[in-house]
Amino acid sequence: MSSLDDLLLHESDGLHLHIRRRYQQAETMIVREVQNTYAWDFPITAALDVGAHIGSWTLTAKQKYPHAQIVAVEVEPENFS
C-alpha cells in the first residue's frame, strides 16, 4: 500500500489524481494517453472499466460525461489504495 508520502498530485486538463512517485513517468504517460489518444467523440452513458489501474480512464470519462454510470474494477490493491 502506498503512503501519502509516496504519492504525487497529478493535474492535467482539470483532472486531479494521485500517481505513485516510483512510477511517476509511466503513470503520467498513461494519463496523457487516456486524455489525448483515446476517442472521446461518442457519448458514454454506462461503462465497465475492468483493470482500472489508477482510474485515469474512469475519471476522464466522468469529467467528460458526468451523468454516465461507470463501475471501475481493479484487483491490484496498490493501484487504488
Protein backbone atom coordinates (compact mmCIF):
# COMPACT_ATOMS: atom_id res chain seq x y z
CA MET A 1 0.00 0.00 0.00
CA SER A 2 1.32 3.45 -0.90
CA SER A 3 1.75 6.02 1.81
CA LEU A 4 0.79 9.61 1.10
CA ASP A 5 4.50 10.48 1.08
CA ASP A 6 4.91 8.22 -1.96
CA LEU A 7 2.14 9.91 -3.95
CA LEU A 8 2.27 12.97 -6.18
CA LEU A 9 -0.73 15.03 -7.19
CA HIS A 10 -1.08 14.98 -10.97
CA GLU A 11 -3.18 17.73 -12.55
CA SER A 12 -3.99 17.77 -16.25
CA ASP A 13 -6.94 19.21 -18.17
CA GLY A 14 -8.92 19.69 -14.97
CA LEU A 15 -8.27 16.11 -13.83
CA HIS A 16 -6.70 15.63 -10.39
CA LEU A 17 -5.40 12.25 -9.31
CA HIS A 18 -2.54 10.81 -7.33
CA ILE A 19 0.24 8.95 -9.05
CA ARG A 20 2.95 6.95 -7.36
CA ARG A 21 6.36 8.62 -7.17
CA ARG A 22 8.21 5.43 -8.15
CA TYR A 23 6.01 5.04 -11.27
CA GLN A 24 5.72 8.76 -11.99
CA GLN A 25 6.94 8.63 -15.59
CA ALA A 26 4.82 5.62 -16.60
CA GLU A 27 1.65 6.75 -14.85
CA THR A 28 1.95 10.28 -16.26
CA MET A 29 2.27 8.77 -19.74
CA ILE A 30 -0.83 6.62 -19.13
CA VAL A 31 -2.89 9.63 -18.03
CA ARG A 32 -1.80 11.63 -21.09
CA GLU A 33 -2.56 8.71 -23.39
CA VAL A 34 -6.05 8.31 -21.95
CA GLN A 35 -6.79 12.02 -22.25
CA ASN A 36 -5.28 12.63 -25.67
CA THR A 37 -5.22 9.38 -27.65
CA TYR A 38 -8.50 7.65 -26.86
CA ALA A 39 -11.55 8.56 -28.90
CA TRP A 40 -13.89 10.70 -26.80
CA ASP A 41 -16.25 11.68 -29.63
CA PHE A 42 -19.04 9.31 -28.64
CA PRO A 43 -21.42 9.71 -25.70
CA ILE A 44 -20.89 7.43 -22.72
CA THR A 45 -23.96 6.60 -20.67
CA ALA A 46 -22.63 3.49 -18.90
CA ALA A 47 -19.29 1.68 -18.80
CA LEU A 48 -17.38 -1.03 -17.00
CA ASP A 49 -13.68 -0.24 -16.60
CA VAL A 50 -12.06 -3.62 -15.94
CA GLY A 51 -8.41 -3.29 -14.98
CA ALA A 52 -8.92 0.32 -13.94
CA HIS A 53 -5.31 0.75 -12.75
CA ILE A 54 -5.17 4.21 -11.11
CA GLY A 55 -8.53 5.30 -12.50
CA SER A 56 -7.40 7.72 -15.21
CA TRP A 57 -9.92 6.44 -17.79
CA THR A 58 -12.78 6.42 -15.29
CA LEU A 59 -12.01 9.93 -14.03
CA THR A 60 -11.59 11.30 -17.55
CA ALA A 61 -14.86 9.69 -18.66
CA LYS A 62 -16.72 11.10 -15.64
CA GLN A 63 -15.23 14.53 -16.30
CA LYS A 64 -16.42 14.47 -19.91
CA TYR A 65 -19.73 12.69 -19.23
CA PRO A 66 -20.72 13.49 -15.61
CA HIS A 67 -24.07 11.66 -15.84
CA ALA A 68 -22.53 8.40 -17.03
CA GLN A 69 -22.75 5.40 -14.72
CA ILE A 70 -19.30 3.84 -14.52
CA VAL A 71 -18.04 0.91 -12.49
CA ALA A 72 -14.26 0.60 -12.13
CA VAL A 73 -12.69 -2.72 -11.15
CA GLU A 74 -9.04 -3.09 -10.17
CA VAL A 75 -7.69 -6.21 -8.47
CA GLU A 76 -4.25 -4.87 -7.50
CA PRO A 77 -4.73 -3.09 -4.14
CA GLU A 78 -1.66 -0.89 -4.58
CA ASN A 79 -3.17 0.64 -7.71
CA PHE A 80 -6.23 2.03 -5.94
CA SER A 81 -5.13 2.47 -2.35
